[in-house]
Amino acid sequence: MYIHSISNALYTGILSLPSERLVISKDRDSGLYRMSSYFLAKTVAEIPLLLILPTIWLIISYWMAGMNPNGLAFIGMLGVQLLSVLGMESIGLLVGKKFFHSFKIILYYGVFNLIFILIFILVL
């Protein structure tokens, strides 16, 4: 579930911008906002959607697996998981902004996801 939530955040971030491309271009051309304010607003608006499911999953699975019963260890693991999800969503938004074409985006999604999974496996 941990890898799924991070991969899902990356995939959502990558594919969200090409679908909103025309609206973003029109609003930017008229000078309504900068791209950085769009990224910030999009990230803040999607935080509850991105973080609720991984939090519920960790609350249930952490105690069922019999991991360290210390509350600080649980909060530390929760923090690492939530920061990972937000970081991967940010990388997805960055890649989605750089490449507006769907086939290139899917290619880079596979590369980023593979690199992340390999790093995750090597760390464990």
PDB file of N, CA and C in Angstrom:
ATOM      1  N   MET A   1       0.823  -1.190   0.000  1.00  0.00           N
ATOM      2  CA  MET A   1       0.000   0.000   0.000  1.00  0.00           C
ATOM      3  C   MET A   1       0.868   1.255   0.000  1.00  0.00           C
ATOM      4  N   TYR A   2       2.007   1.181   0.646  1.00  0.00           N
ATOM      5  CA  TYR A   2       2.898   2.348   0.690  1.00  0.00           C
ATOM      6  C   TYR A   2       3.371   2.713  -0.711  1.00  0.00           C
ATOM      7  N   ILE A   3       3.843   1.722  -1.448  1.00  0.00           N
ATOM      8  CA  ILE A   3       4.311   1.980  -2.807  1.00  0.00           C
ATOM      9  C   ILE A   3       3.142   2.383  -3.692  1.00  0.00           C
ATOM     10  N   HIS A   4       1.978   1.790  -3.478  1.00  0.00           N
ATOM     11  CA  HIS A   4       0.799   2.152  -4.267  1.00  0.00           C
ATOM     12  C   HIS A   4       0.408   3.614  -4.037  1.00  0.00           C
ATOM     13  N   SER A   5       0.426   4.064  -2.800  1.00  0.00           N
ATOM     14  CA  SER A   5       0.010   5.438  -2.527  1.00  0.00           C
ATOM     15  C   SER A   5       0.991   6.440  -3.130  1.00  0.00           C
ATOM     16  N   ILE A   6       2.271   6.116  -3.112  1.00  0.00           N
ATOM     17  CA  ILE A   6       3.256   7.013  -3.700  1.00  0.00           C
ATOM     18  C   ILE A   6       3.180   6.980  -5.221  1.00  0.00           C
ATOM     19  N   SER A   7       2.993   5.797  -5.796  1.00  0.00           N
ATOM     20  CA  SER A   7       2.847   5.702  -7.245  1.00  0.00           C
ATOM     21  C   SER A   7       1.575   6.404  -7.705  1.00  0.00           C
ATOM     22  N   ASN A   8       0.520   6.280  -6.937  1.00  0.00           N
ATOM     23  CA  ASN A   8      -0.733   6.942  -7.279  1.00  0.00           C
ATOM     24  C   ASN A   8      -0.574   8.464  -7.235  1.00  0.00           C
ATOM     25  N   ALA A   9       0.138   8.967  -6.247  1.00  0.00           N
ATOM     26  CA  ALA A   9       0.364  10.407  -6.161  1.00  0.00           C
ATOM     27  C   ALA A   9       1.185  10.900  -7.353  1.00  0.00           C
ATOM     28  N   LEU A  10       2.195  10.130  -7.746  1.00  0.00           N
ATOM     29  CA  LEU A  10       3.005  10.494  -8.903  1.00  0.00           C
ATOM     30  C   LEU A  10       2.170  10.479 -10.170  1.00  0.00           C
ATOM     31  N   TYR A  11       1.377   9.449 -10.347  1.00  0.00           N
ATOM     32  CA  TYR A  11       0.535   9.314 -11.542  1.00  0.00           C
ATOM     33  C   TYR A  11      -0.508  10.419 -11.611  1.00  0.00           C
ATOM     34  N   THR A  12      -1.129  10.741 -10.484  1.00  0.00           N
ATOM     35  CA  THR A  12      -2.121  11.816 -10.447  1.00  0.00           C
ATOM     36  C   THR A  12      -1.479  13.155 -10.785  1.00  0.00           C
ATOM     37  N   GLY A  13      -0.307  13.407 -10.232  1.00  0.00           N
ATOM     38  CA  GLY A  13       0.380  14.658 -10.519  1.00  0.00           C
ATOM     39  C   GLY A  13       0.792  14.787 -11.970  1.00  0.00           C
ATOM     40  N   ILE A  14       1.267  13.691 -12.548  1.00  0.00           N
ATOM     41  CA  ILE A  14       1.727  13.733 -13.935  1.00  0.00           C
ATOM     42  C   ILE A  14       0.562  13.968 -14.895  1.00  0.00           C
ATOM     43  N   LEU A  15      -0.528  13.280 -14.693  1.00  0.00           N
ATOM     44  CA  LEU A  15      -1.622  13.346 -15.662  1.00  0.00           C
ATOM     45  C   LEU A  15      -2.615  14.467 -15.411  1.00  0.00           C
ATOM     46  N   SER A  16      -2.479  15.218 -14.340  1.00  0.00           N
ATOM     47  CA  SER A  16      -3.459  16.270 -14.077  1.00  0.00           C
ATOM     48  C   SER A  16      -3.240  17.502 -14.947  1.00  0.00           C
ATOM     49  N   LEU A  17      -1.995  17.826 -15.246  1.00  0.00           N
ATOM     50  CA  LEU A  17      -1.735  19.046 -16.009  1.00  0.00           C
ATOM     51  C   LEU A  17      -2.099  18.956 -17.489  1.00  0.00           C
ATOM     52  N   PRO A  18      -1.832  17.859 -18.202  1.00  0.00           N
ATOM     53  CA  PRO A  18      -2.231  17.831 -19.604  1.00  0.00           C
ATOM     54  C   PRO A  18      -3.742  17.972 -19.805  1.00  0.00           C
ATOM     55  N   SER A  19      -4.537  17.476 -18.885  1.00  0.00           N
ATOM     56  CA  SER A  19      -5.977  17.617 -19.029  1.00  0.00           C
ATOM     57  C   SER A  19      -6.444  19.048 -18.775  1.00  0.00           C
ATOM     58  N   GLU A  20      -5.667  19.821 -18.038  1.00  0.00           N
ATOM     59  CA  GLU A  20      -6.014  21.209 -17.730  1.00  0.00           C
ATOM     60  C   GLU A  20      -5.184  22.197 -18.545  1.00  0.00           C
ATOM     61  N   ARG A  21      -4.522  21.720 -19.545  1.00  0.00           N
ATOM     62  CA  ARG A  21      -3.578  22.525 -20.316  1.00  0.00           C
ATOM     63  C   ARG A  21      -4.221  23.757 -20.938  1.00  0.00           C
ATOM     64  N   LEU A  22      -5.362  23.599 -21.581  1.00  0.00           N
ATOM     65  CA  LEU A  22      -5.995  24.733 -22.260  1.00  0.00           C
ATOM     66  C   LEU A  22      -6.426  25.807 -21.275  1.00  0.00           C
ATOM     67  N   VAL A  23      -6.971  25.397 -20.150  1.00  0.00           N
ATOM     68  CA  VAL A  23      -7.421  26.363 -19.147  1.00  0.00           C
ATOM     69  C   VAL A  23      -6.231  27.114 -18.556  1.00  0.00           C
ATOM     70  N   ILE A  24      -5.168  26.395 -18.252  1.00  0.00           N
ATOM     71  CA  ILE A  24      -3.977  27.025 -17.682  1.00  0.00           C
ATOM     72  C   ILE A  24      -3.372  28.013 -18.675  1.00  0.00           C
ATOM     73  N   SER A  25      -3.262  27.606 -19.934  1.00  0.00           N
ATOM     74  CA  SER A  25      -2.677  28.493 -20.941  1.00  0.00           C
ATOM     75  C   SER A  25      -3.511  29.756 -21.122  1.00  0.00           C
ATOM     76  N   LYS A  26      -4.831  29.603 -21.158  1.00  0.00           N
ATOM     77  CA  LYS A  26      -5.704  30.762 -21.338  1.00  0.00           C
ATOM     78  C   LYS A  26      -5.593  31.713 -20.138  1.00  0.00           C
ATOM     79  N   ASP A  27      -5.602  31.171 -18.939  1.00  0.00           N
ATOM     80  CA  ASP A  27      -5.506  32.009 -17.741  1.00  0.00           C
ATOM     81  C   ASP A  27      -4.142  32.680 -17.624  1.00  0.00           C
ATOM     82  N   ARG A  28      -3.088  31.980 -17.990  1.00  0.00           N
ATOM     83  CA  ARG A  28      -1.750  32.578 -17.932  1.00  0.00           C
ATOM     84  C   ARG A  28      -1.587  33.665 -18.971  1.00  0.00           C
ATOM     85  N   ASP A  29      -2.147  33.458 -20.171  1.00  0.00           N
ATOM     86  CA  ASP A  29      -2.042  34.479 -21.214  1.00  0.00           C
ATOM     87  C   ASP A  29      -2.778  35.755 -20.833  1.00  0.00           C
ATOM     88  N   SER A  30      -3.873  35.609 -20.097  1.00  0.00           N
ATOM     89  CA  SER A  30      -4.609  36.807 -19.678  1.00  0.00           C
ATOM     90  C   SER A  30      -3.997  37.438 -18.424  1.00  0.00           C
ATOM     91  N   GLY A  31      -2.995  36.793 -17.828  1.00  0.00           N
ATOM     92  CA  GLY A  31      -2.284  37.364 -16.692  1.00  0.00           C
ATOM     93  C   GLY A  31      -3.021  37.222 -15.367  1.00  0.00           C
ATOM     94  N   LEU A  32      -3.843  36.195 -15.231  1.00  0.00           N
ATOM     95  CA  LEU A  32      -4.599  36.023 -13.989  1.00  0.00           C
ATOM     96  C   LEU A  32      -3.722  35.552 -12.833  1.00  0.00           C
ATOM     97  N   TYR A  33      -2.788  34.661 -13.099  1.00  0.00           N
ATOM     98  CA  TYR A  33      -1.911  34.159 -12.039  1.00  0.00           C
ATOM     99  C   TYR A  33      -0.636  33.591 -12.652  1.00  0.00           C
ATOM    100  N   ARG A  34       0.357  33.405 -11.779  1.00  0.00           N
ATOM    101  CA  ARG A  34       1.605  32.780 -12.201  1.00  0.00           C
ATOM    102  C   ARG A  34       1.490  31.272 -12.041  1.00  0.00           C
ATOM    103  N   MET A  35       2.406  30.561 -12.632  1.00  0.00           N
ATOM    104  CA  MET A  35       2.378  29.100 -12.559  1.00  0.00           C
ATOM    105  C   MET A  35       2.669  28.620 -11.150  1.00  0.00           C
ATOM    106  N   SER A  36       3.512  29.327 -10.417  1.00  0.00           N
ATOM    107  CA  SER A  36       3.830  28.907  -9.052  1.00  0.00           C
ATOM    108  C   SER A  36       2.595  28.985  -8.149  1.00  0.00           C
ATOM    109  N   SER A  37       1.767  30.000  -8.334  1.00  0.00           N
ATOM    110  CA  SER A  37       0.549  30.092  -7.523  1.00  0.00           C
ATOM    111  C   SER A  37      -0.435  28.996  -7.899  1.00  0.00           C
ATOM    112  N   TYR A  38      -0.451  28.587  -9.178  1.00  0.00           N
ATOM    113  CA  TYR A  38      -1.299  27.467  -9.593  1.00  0.00           C
ATOM    114  C   TYR A  38      -0.843  26.175  -8.923  1.00  0.00           C
ATOM    115  N   PHE A  39       0.475  25.919  -8.933  1.00  0.00           N
ATOM    116  CA  PHE A  39       1.005  24.713  -8.298  1.00  0.00           C
ATOM    117  C   PHE A  39       0.693  24.692  -6.804  1.00  0.00           C
ATOM    118  N   LEU A  40       0.886  25.809  -6.149  1.00  0.00           N
ATOM    119  CA  LEU A  40       0.626  25.875  -4.713  1.00  0.00           C
ATOM    120  C   LEU A  40      -0.846  25.631  -4.409  1.00  0.00           C
ATOM    121  N   ALA A  41      -1.734  26.273  -5.158  1.00  0.00           N
ATOM    122  CA  ALA A  41      -3.168  26.090  -4.927  1.00  0.00           C
ATOM    123  C   ALA A  41      -3.596  24.658  -5.217  1.00  0.00           C
ATOM    124  N   LYS A  42      -3.057  24.064  -6.271  1.00  0.00           N
ATOM    125  CA  LYS A  42      -3.412  22.682  -6.614  1.00  0.00           C
ATOM    126  C   LYS A  42      -2.922  21.708  -5.545  1.00  0.00           C
ATOM    127  N   THR A  43      -1.718  21.919  -5.056  1.00  0.00           N
ATOM    128  CA  THR A  43      -1.176  21.041  -4.022  1.00  0.00           C
ATOM    129  C   THR A  43      -1.962  21.159  -2.725  1.00  0.00           C
ATOM    130  N   VAL A  44      -2.279  22.378  -2.317  1.00  0.00           N
ATOM    131  CA  VAL A  44      -3.037  22.574  -1.075  1.00  0.00           C
ATOM    132  C   VAL A  44      -4.442  21.988  -1.196  1.00  0.00           C
ATOM    133  N   ALA A  45      -5.063  22.119  -2.360  1.00  0.00           N
ATOM    134  CA  ALA A  45      -6.410  21.594  -2.548  1.00  0.00           C
ATOM    135  C   ALA A  45      -6.433  20.073  -2.555  1.00  0.00           C
ATOM    136  N   GLU A  46      -5.361  19.437  -3.020  1.00  0.00           N
ATOM    137  CA  GLU A  46      -5.341  17.978  -3.116  1.00  0.00           C
ATOM    138  C   GLU A  46      -4.727  17.294  -1.897  1.00  0.00           C
ATOM    139  N   ILE A  47      -4.230  18.042  -0.930  1.00  0.00           N
ATOM    140  CA  ILE A  47      -3.614  17.427   0.249  1.00  0.00           C
ATOM    141  C   ILE A  47      -4.565  16.469   0.974  1.00  0.00           C
ATOM    142  N   PRO A  48      -5.809  16.859   1.255  1.00  0.00           N
ATOM    143  CA  PRO A  48      -6.676  15.894   1.942  1.00  0.00           C
ATOM    144  C   PRO A  48      -6.906  14.616   1.139  1.00  0.00           C
ATOM    145  N   LEU A  49      -7.055  14.736  -0.175  1.00  0.00           N
ATOM    146  CA  LEU A  49      -7.288  13.557  -1.001  1.00  0.00           C
ATOM    147  C   LEU A  49      -6.073  12.639  -1.038  1.00  0.00           C
ATOM    148  N   LEU A  50      -4.898  13.221  -1.022  1.00  0.00           N
ATOM    149  CA  LEU A  50      -3.684  12.421  -1.100  1.00  0.00           C
ATOM    150  C   LEU A  50      -3.302  11.773   0.229  1.00  0.00           C
ATOM    151  N   LEU A  51      -3.651  12.388   1.341  1.00  0.00           N
ATOM    152  CA  LEU A  51      -3.124  11.941   2.627  1.00  0.00           C
ATOM    153  C   LEU A  51      -4.086  11.108   3.467  1.00  0.00           C
ATOM    154  N   ILE A  52      -5.370  11.142   3.185  1.00  0.00           N
ATOM    155  CA  ILE A  52      -6.327  10.422   4.028  1.00  0.00           C
ATOM    156  C   ILE A  52      -6.155   8.911   3.914  1.00  0.00           C
ATOM    157  N   LEU A  53      -6.114   8.376   2.701  1.00  0.00           N
ATOM    158  CA  LEU A  53      -6.022   6.926   2.531  1.00  0.00           C
ATOM    159  C   LEU A  53      -4.713   6.343   3.078  1.00  0.00           C
ATOM    160  N   PRO A  54      -3.538   6.931   2.778  1.00  0.00           N
ATOM    161  CA  PRO A  54      -2.311   6.384   3.374  1.00  0.00           C
ATOM    162  C   PRO A  54      -2.294   6.475   4.905  1.00  0.00           C
ATOM    163  N   THR A  55      -2.906   7.516   5.467  1.00  0.00           N
ATOM    164  CA  THR A  55      -2.949   7.646   6.922  1.00  0.00           C
ATOM    165  C   THR A  55      -3.803   6.554   7.536  1.00  0.00           C
ATOM    166  N   ILE A  56      -4.975   6.315   6.975  1.00  0.00           N
ATOM    167  CA  ILE A  56      -5.849   5.247   7.482  1.00  0.00           C
ATOM    168  C   ILE A  56      -5.169   3.901   7.351  1.00  0.00           C
ATOM    169  N   TRP A  57      -4.522   3.665   6.199  1.00  0.00           N
ATOM    170  CA  TRP A  57      -3.848   2.386   5.999  1.00  0.00           C
ATOM    171  C   TRP A  57      -2.737   2.190   7.030  1.00  0.00           C
ATOM    172  N   LEU A  58      -1.945   3.221   7.293  1.00  0.00           N
ATOM    173  CA  LEU A  58      -0.845   3.078   8.240  1.00  0.00           C
ATOM    174  C   LEU A  58      -1.345   2.907   9.662  1.00  0.00           C
ATOM    175  N   ILE A  59      -2.408   3.609  10.022  1.00  0.00           N
ATOM    176  CA  ILE A  59      -2.962   3.455  11.376  1.00  0.00           C
ATOM    177  C   ILE A  59      -3.383   2.010  11.618  1.00  0.00           C
ATOM    178  N   ILE A  60      -3.989   1.392  10.626  1.00  0.00           N
ATOM    179  CA  ILE A  60      -4.449   0.008  10.790  1.00  0.00           C
ATOM    180  C   ILE A  60      -3.285  -0.973  10.716  1.00  0.00           C
ATOM    181  N   SER A  61      -2.460  -0.867   9.672  1.00  0.00           N
ATOM    182  CA  SER A  61      -1.438  -1.891   9.449  1.00  0.00           C
ATOM    183  C   SER A  61      -0.260  -1.792  10.414  1.00  0.00           C
ATOM    184  N   TYR A  62       0.056  -0.614  10.905  1.00  0.00           N
ATOM    185  CA  TYR A  62       1.203  -0.466  11.803  1.00  0.00           C
ATOM    186  C   TYR A  62       0.995  -1.274  13.081  1.00  0.00           C
ATOM    187  N   TRP A  63      -0.177  -1.142  13.659  1.00  0.00           N
ATOM    188  CA  TRP A  63      -0.425  -1.838  14.928  1.00  0.00           C
ATOM    189  C   TRP A  63      -0.723  -3.312  14.703  1.00  0.00           C
ATOM    190  N   MET A  64      -1.322  -3.670  13.556  1.00  0.00           N
ATOM    191  CA  MET A  64      -1.588  -5.081  13.271  1.00  0.00           C
ATOM    192  C   MET A  64      -0.309  -5.866  13.017  1.00  0.00           C
ATOM    193  N   ALA A  65       0.695  -5.205  12.457  1.00  0.00           N
ATOM    194  CA  ALA A  65       1.954  -5.879  12.158  1.00  0.00           C
ATOM    195  C   ALA A  65       2.836  -6.028  13.388  1.00  0.00           C
ATOM    196  N   GLY A  66       2.444  -5.426  14.481  1.00  0.00           N
ATOM    197  CA  GLY A  66       3.211  -5.553  15.714  1.00  0.00           C
ATOM    198  C   GLY A  66       4.530  -4.810  15.657  1.00  0.00           C
ATOM    199  N   MET A  67       4.567  -3.694  14.993  1.00  0.00           N
ATOM    200  CA  MET A  67       5.799  -2.906  14.916  1.00  0.00           C
ATOM    201  C   MET A  67       6.045  -2.222  16.257  1.00  0.00           C
ATOM    202  N   ASN A  68       7.053  -1.406  16.315  1.00  0.00           N
ATOM    203  CA  ASN A  68       7.460  -0.745  17.549  1.00  0.00           C
ATOM    204  C   ASN A  68       6.251  -0.047  18.198  1.00  0.00           C
ATOM    205  N   PRO A  69       5.859  -0.432  19.413  1.00  0.00           N
ATOM    206  CA  PRO A  69       4.668   0.155  20.023  1.00  0.00           C
ATOM    207  C   PRO A  69       4.860   1.574  20.537  1.00  0.00           C
ATOM    208  N   ASN A  70       6.033   2.123  20.367  1.00  0.00           N
ATOM    209  CA  ASN A  70       6.303   3.485  20.788  1.00  0.00           C
ATOM    210  C   ASN A  70       5.535   4.465  19.886  1.00  0.00           C
ATOM    211  N   GLY A  71       4.846   5.407  20.480  1.00  0.00           N
ATOM    212  CA  GLY A  71       4.058   6.364  19.714  1.00  0.00           C
ATOM    213  C   GLY A  71       4.897   7.272  18.848  1.00  0.00           C
ATOM    214  N   LEU A  72       6.108   7.604  19.318  1.00  0.00           N
ATOM    215  CA  LEU A  72       6.983   8.463  18.519  1.00  0.00           C
ATOM    216  C   LEU A  72       7.461   7.763  17.255  1.00  0.00           C
ATOM    217  N   ALA A  73       7.685   6.462  17.331  1.00  0.00           N
ATOM    218  CA  ALA A  73       8.086   5.708  16.137  1.00  0.00           C
ATOM    219  C   ALA A  73       6.956   5.698  15.118  1.00  0.00           C
ATOM    220  N   PHE A  74       5.729   5.537  15.598  1.00  0.00           N
ATOM    221  CA  PHE A  74       4.574   5.565  14.696  1.00  0.00           C
ATOM    222  C   PHE A  74       4.423   6.935  14.037  1.00  0.00           C
ATOM    223  N   ILE A  75       4.545   7.998  14.803  1.00  0.00           N
ATOM    224  CA  ILE A  75       4.403   9.350  14.250  1.00  0.00           C
ATOM    225  C   ILE A  75       5.531   9.637  13.257  1.00  0.00           C
ATOM    226  N   GLY A  76       6.733   9.152  13.543  1.00  0.00           N
ATOM    227  CA  GLY A  76       7.841   9.317  12.606  1.00  0.00           C
ATOM    228  C   GLY A  76       7.596   8.595  11.296  1.00  0.00           C
ATOM    229  N   MET A  77       7.086   7.371  11.384  1.00  0.00           N
ATOM    230  CA  MET A  77       6.796   6.617  10.163  1.00  0.00           C
ATOM    231  C   MET A  77       5.659   7.268   9.380  1.00  0.00           C
ATOM    232  N   LEU A  78       4.665   7.762  10.082  1.00  0.00           N
ATOM    233  CA  LEU A  78       3.560   8.452   9.421  1.00  0.00           C
ATOM    234  C   LEU A  78       4.063   9.707   8.718  1.00  0.00           C
ATOM    235  N   GLY A  79       4.937  10.444   9.373  1.00  0.00           N
ATOM    236  CA  GLY A  79       5.504  11.650   8.762  1.00  0.00           C
ATOM    237  C   GLY A  79       6.306  11.345   7.511  1.00  0.00           C
ATOM    238  N   VAL A  80       7.111  10.285   7.559  1.00  0.00           N
ATOM    239  CA  VAL A  80       7.900   9.907   6.385  1.00  0.00           C
ATOM    240  C   VAL A  80       6.982   9.505   5.233  1.00  0.00           C
ATOM    241  N   GLN A  81       5.939   8.755   5.550  1.00  0.00           N
ATOM    242  CA  GLN A  81       5.019   8.322   4.499  1.00  0.00           C
ATOM    243  C   GLN A  81       4.288   9.515   3.876  1.00  0.00           C
ATOM    244  N   LEU A  82       3.809  10.423   4.692  1.00  0.00           N
ATOM    245  CA  LEU A  82       3.062  11.564   4.164  1.00  0.00           C
ATOM    246  C   LEU A  82       3.961  12.512   3.375  1.00  0.00           C
ATOM    247  N   LEU A  83       5.183  12.715   3.847  1.00  0.00           N
ATOM    248  CA  LEU A  83       6.122  13.549   3.089  1.00  0.00           C
ATOM    249  C   LEU A  83       6.513  12.895   1.763  1.00  0.00           C
ATOM    250  N   SER A  84       6.617  11.568   1.755  1.00  0.00           N
ATOM    251  CA  SER A  84       6.916  10.864   0.510  1.00  0.00           C
ATOM    252  C   SER A  84       5.793  11.036  -0.502  1.00  0.00           C
ATOM    253  N   VAL A  85       4.563  10.930  -0.041  1.00  0.00           N
ATOM    254  CA  VAL A  85       3.415  11.096  -0.934  1.00  0.00           C
ATOM    255  C   VAL A  85       3.386  12.514  -1.506  1.00  0.00           C
ATOM    256  N   LEU A  86       3.583  13.508  -0.664  1.00  0.00           N
ATOM    257  CA  LEU A  86       3.578  14.894  -1.141  1.00  0.00           C
ATOM    258  C   LEU A  86       4.758  15.170  -2.076  1.00  0.00           C
ATOM    259  N   GLY A  87       5.903  14.593  -1.774  1.00  0.00           N
ATOM    260  CA  GLY A  87       7.063  14.777  -2.641  1.00  0.00           C
ATOM    261  C   GLY A  87       6.873  14.157  -4.012  1.00  0.00           C
ATOM    262  N   MET A  88       6.309  12.962  -4.056  1.00  0.00           N
ATOM    263  CA  MET A  88       6.081  12.318  -5.346  1.00  0.00           C
ATOM    264  C   MET A  88       5.006  13.053  -6.138  1.00  0.00           C
ATOM    265  N   GLU A  89       4.018  13.617  -5.471  1.00  0.00           N
ATOM    266  CA  GLU A  89       3.014  14.397  -6.189  1.00  0.00           C
ATOM    267  C   GLU A  89       3.646  15.653  -6.774  1.00  0.00           C
ATOM    268  N   SER A  90       4.575  16.251  -6.054  1.00  0.00           N
ATOM    269  CA  SER A  90       5.272  17.432  -6.563  1.00  0.00           C
ATOM    270  C   SER A  90       6.146  17.087  -7.765  1.00  0.00           C
ATOM    271  N   ILE A  91       6.814  15.951  -7.701  1.00  0.00           N
ATOM    272  CA  ILE A  91       7.605  15.505  -8.853  1.00  0.00           C
ATOM    273  C   ILE A  91       6.689  15.245 -10.042  1.00  0.00           C
ATOM    274  N   GLY A  92       5.523  14.659  -9.788  1.00  0.00           N
ATOM    275  CA  GLY A  92       4.561  14.418 -10.857  1.00  0.00           C
ATOM    276  C   GLY A  92       4.069  15.705 -11.491  1.00  0.00           C
ATOM    277  N   LEU A  93       3.806  16.716 -10.686  1.00  0.00           N
ATOM    278  CA  LEU A  93       3.386  18.007 -11.234  1.00  0.00           C
ATOM    279  C   LEU A  93       4.502  18.646 -12.053  1.00  0.00           C
ATOM    280  N   LEU A  94       5.734  18.507 -11.586  1.00  0.00           N
ATOM    281  CA  LEU A  94       6.869  19.063 -12.317  1.00  0.00           C
ATOM    282  C   LEU A  94       7.033  18.390 -13.673  1.00  0.00           C
ATOM    283  N   VAL A  95       6.974  17.071 -13.695  1.00  0.00           N
ATOM    284  CA  VAL A  95       7.107  16.339 -14.957  1.00  0.00           C
ATOM    285  C   VAL A  95       5.910  16.619 -15.859  1.00  0.00           C
ATOM    286  N   GLY A  96       4.712  16.708 -15.281  1.00  0.00           N
ATOM    287  CA  GLY A  96       3.525  17.007 -16.064  1.00  0.00           C
ATOM    288  C   GLY A  96       3.568  18.387 -16.683  1.00  0.00           C
ATOM    289  N   LYS A  97       4.196  19.335 -16.021  1.00  0.00           N
ATOM    290  CA  LYS A  97       4.315  20.681 -16.574  1.00  0.00           C
ATOM    291  C   LYS A  97       5.357  20.723 -17.685  1.00  0.00           C
ATOM    292  N   LYS A  98       6.401  19.944 -17.524  1.00  0.00           N
ATOM    293  CA  LYS A  98       7.476  19.945 -18.513  1.00  0.00           C
ATOM    294  C   LYS A  98       7.039  19.300 -19.827  1.00  0.00           C
ATOM    295  N   PHE A  99       6.299  18.210 -19.754  1.00  0.00           N
ATOM    296  CA  PHE A  99       5.893  17.473 -20.950  1.00  0.00           C
ATOM    297  C   PHE A  99       4.369  17.445 -21.017  1.00  0.00           C
ATOM    298  N   PHE A 100       3.815  18.125 -22.001  1.00  0.00           N
ATOM    299  CA  PHE A 100       2.362  18.187 -22.124  1.00  0.00           C
ATOM    300  C   PHE A 100       1.789  17.028 -22.939  1.00  0.00           C
ATOM    301  N   HIS A 101       2.617  16.252 -23.609  1.00  0.00           N
ATOM    302  CA  HIS A 101       2.117  15.166 -24.443  1.00  0.00           C
ATOM    303  C   HIS A 101       1.961  13.893 -23.619  1.00  0.00           C
ATOM    304  N   SER A 102       0.835  13.223 -23.774  1.00  0.00           N
ATOM    305  CA  SER A 102       0.486  12.083 -22.918  1.00  0.00           C
ATOM    306  C   SER A 102       1.464  10.924 -23.049  1.00  0.00           C
ATOM    307  N   PHE A 103       1.901  10.598 -24.259  1.00  0.00           N
ATOM    308  CA  PHE A 103       2.772   9.437 -24.405  1.00  0.00           C
ATOM    309  C   PHE A 103       4.134   9.667 -23.767  1.00  0.00           C
ATOM    310  N   LYS A 104       4.652  10.882 -23.812  1.00  0.00           N
ATOM    311  CA  LYS A 104       5.916  11.179 -23.134  1.00  0.00           C
ATOM    312  C   LYS A 104       5.743  11.120 -21.621  1.00  0.00           C
ATOM    313  N   ILE A 105       4.600  11.580 -21.166  1.00  0.00           N
ATOM    314  CA  ILE A 105       4.344  11.597 -19.726  1.00  0.00           C
ATOM    315  C   ILE A 105       4.270  10.178 -19.175  1.00  0.00           C
ATOM    316  N   ILE A 106       3.581   9.296 -19.877  1.00  0.00           N
ATOM    317  CA  ILE A 106       3.480   7.909 -19.425  1.00  0.00           C
ATOM    318  C   ILE A 106       4.855   7.254 -19.413  1.00  0.00           C
ATOM    319  N   LEU A 107       5.697   7.573 -20.386  1.00  0.00           N
ATOM    320  CA  LEU A 107       7.058   7.028 -20.427  1.00  0.00           C
ATOM    321  C   LEU A 107       7.853   7.481 -19.205  1.00  0.00           C
ATOM    322  N   TYR A 108       7.797   8.765 -18.891  1.00  0.00           N
ATOM    323  CA  TYR A 108       8.533   9.266 -17.736  1.00  0.00           C
ATOM    324  C   TYR A 108       7.942   8.773 -16.418  1.00  0.00           C
ATOM    325  N   TYR A 109       6.638   8.545 -16.405  1.00  0.00           N
ATOM    326  CA  TYR A 109       6.028   7.961 -15.204  1.00  0.00           C
ATOM    327  C   TYR A 109       6.631   6.595 -14.915  1.00  0.00           C
ATOM    328  N   GLY A 110       6.767   5.780 -15.934  1.00  0.00           N
ATOM    329  CA  GLY A 110       7.356   4.462 -15.741  1.00  0.00           C
ATOM    330  C   GLY A 110       8.782   4.523 -15.242  1.00  0.00           C
ATOM    331  N   VAL A 111       9.561   5.456 -15.784  1.00  0.00           N
ATOM    332  CA  VAL A 111      10.966   5.598 -15.380  1.00  0.00           C
ATOM    333  C   VAL A 111      11.059   6.060 -13.928  1.00  0.00           C
ATOM    334  N   PHE A 112      10.308   7.113 -13.567  1.00  0.00           N
ATOM    335  CA  PHE A 112      10.349   7.613 -12.190  1.00  0.00           C
ATOM    336  C   PHE A 112       9.848   6.565 -11.199  1.00  0.00           C
ATOM    337  N   ASN A 113       8.807   5.857 -11.571  1.00  0.00           N
ATOM    338  CA  ASN A 113       8.251   4.847 -10.684  1.00  0.00           C
ATOM    339  C   ASN A 113       9.241   3.706 -10.487  1.00  0.00           C
ATOM    340  N   LEU A 114       9.905   3.274 -11.549  1.00  0.00           N
ATOM    341  CA  LEU A 114      10.891   2.209 -11.438  1.00  0.00           C
ATOM    342  C   LEU A 114      12.075   2.635 -10.575  1.00  0.00           C
ATOM    343  N   ILE A 115      12.552   3.860 -10.780  1.00  0.00           N
ATOM    344  CA  ILE A 115      13.665   4.356  -9.966  1.00  0.00           C
ATOM    345  C   ILE A 115      13.277   4.402  -8.492  1.00  0.00           C
ATOM    346  N   PHE A 116      12.073   4.895  -8.215  1.00  0.00           N
ATOM    347  CA  PHE A 116      11.633   4.970  -6.827  1.00  0.00           C
ATOM    348  C   PHE A 116      11.524   3.584  -6.198  1.00  0.00           C
ATOM    349  N   ILE A 117      10.956   2.629  -6.908  1.00  0.00           N
ATOM    350  CA  ILE A 117      10.804   1.281  -6.351  1.00  0.00           C
ATOM    351  C   ILE A 117      12.165   0.640  -6.110  1.00  0.00           C
ATOM    352  N   LEU A 118      13.113   0.844  -7.025  1.00  0.00           N
ATOM    353  CA  LEU A 118      14.455   0.278  -6.821  1.00  0.00           C
ATOM    354  C   LEU A 118      15.132   0.901  -5.605  1.00  0.00           C
ATOM    355  N   ILE A 119      15.012   2.203  -5.438  1.00  0.00           N
ATOM    356  CA  ILE A 119      15.592   2.848  -4.263  1.00  0.00           C
ATOM    357  C   ILE A 119      14.932   2.342  -2.997  1.00  0.00           C
ATOM    358  N   PHE A 120      13.617   2.198  -3.029  1.00  0.00           N
ATOM    359  CA  PHE A 120      12.889   1.709  -1.866  1.00  0.00           C
ATOM    360  C   PHE A 120      13.331   0.296  -1.492  1.00  0.00           C
ATOM    361  N   ILE A 121      13.517  -0.567  -2.478  1.00  0.00           N
ATOM    362  CA  ILE A 121      13.940  -1.944  -2.214  1.00  0.00           C
ATOM    363  C   ILE A 121      15.375  -1.973  -1.681  1.00  0.00           C
ATOM    364  N   LEU A 122      16.255  -1.145  -2.242  1.00  0.00           N
ATOM    365  CA  LEU A 122      17.642  -1.126  -1.773  1.00  0.00           C
ATOM    366  C   LEU A 122      17.772  -0.596  -0.346  1.00  0.00           C
ATOM    367  N   VAL A 123      16.913   0.344   0.032  1.00  0.00           N
ATOM    368  CA  VAL A 123      16.969   0.886   1.374  1.00  0.00           C
ATOM    369  C   VAL A 123      16.506  -0.141   2.399  1.00  0.00           C
ATOM    370  N   LEU A 124      15.504  -0.921   2.031  1.00  0.00           N
ATOM    371  CA  LEU A 124      15.017  -1.934   2.975  1.00  0.00           C
ATOM    372  C   LEU A 124      16.005  -3.054   3.035  1.00  0.00           C
TER     373      LEU A 124
END
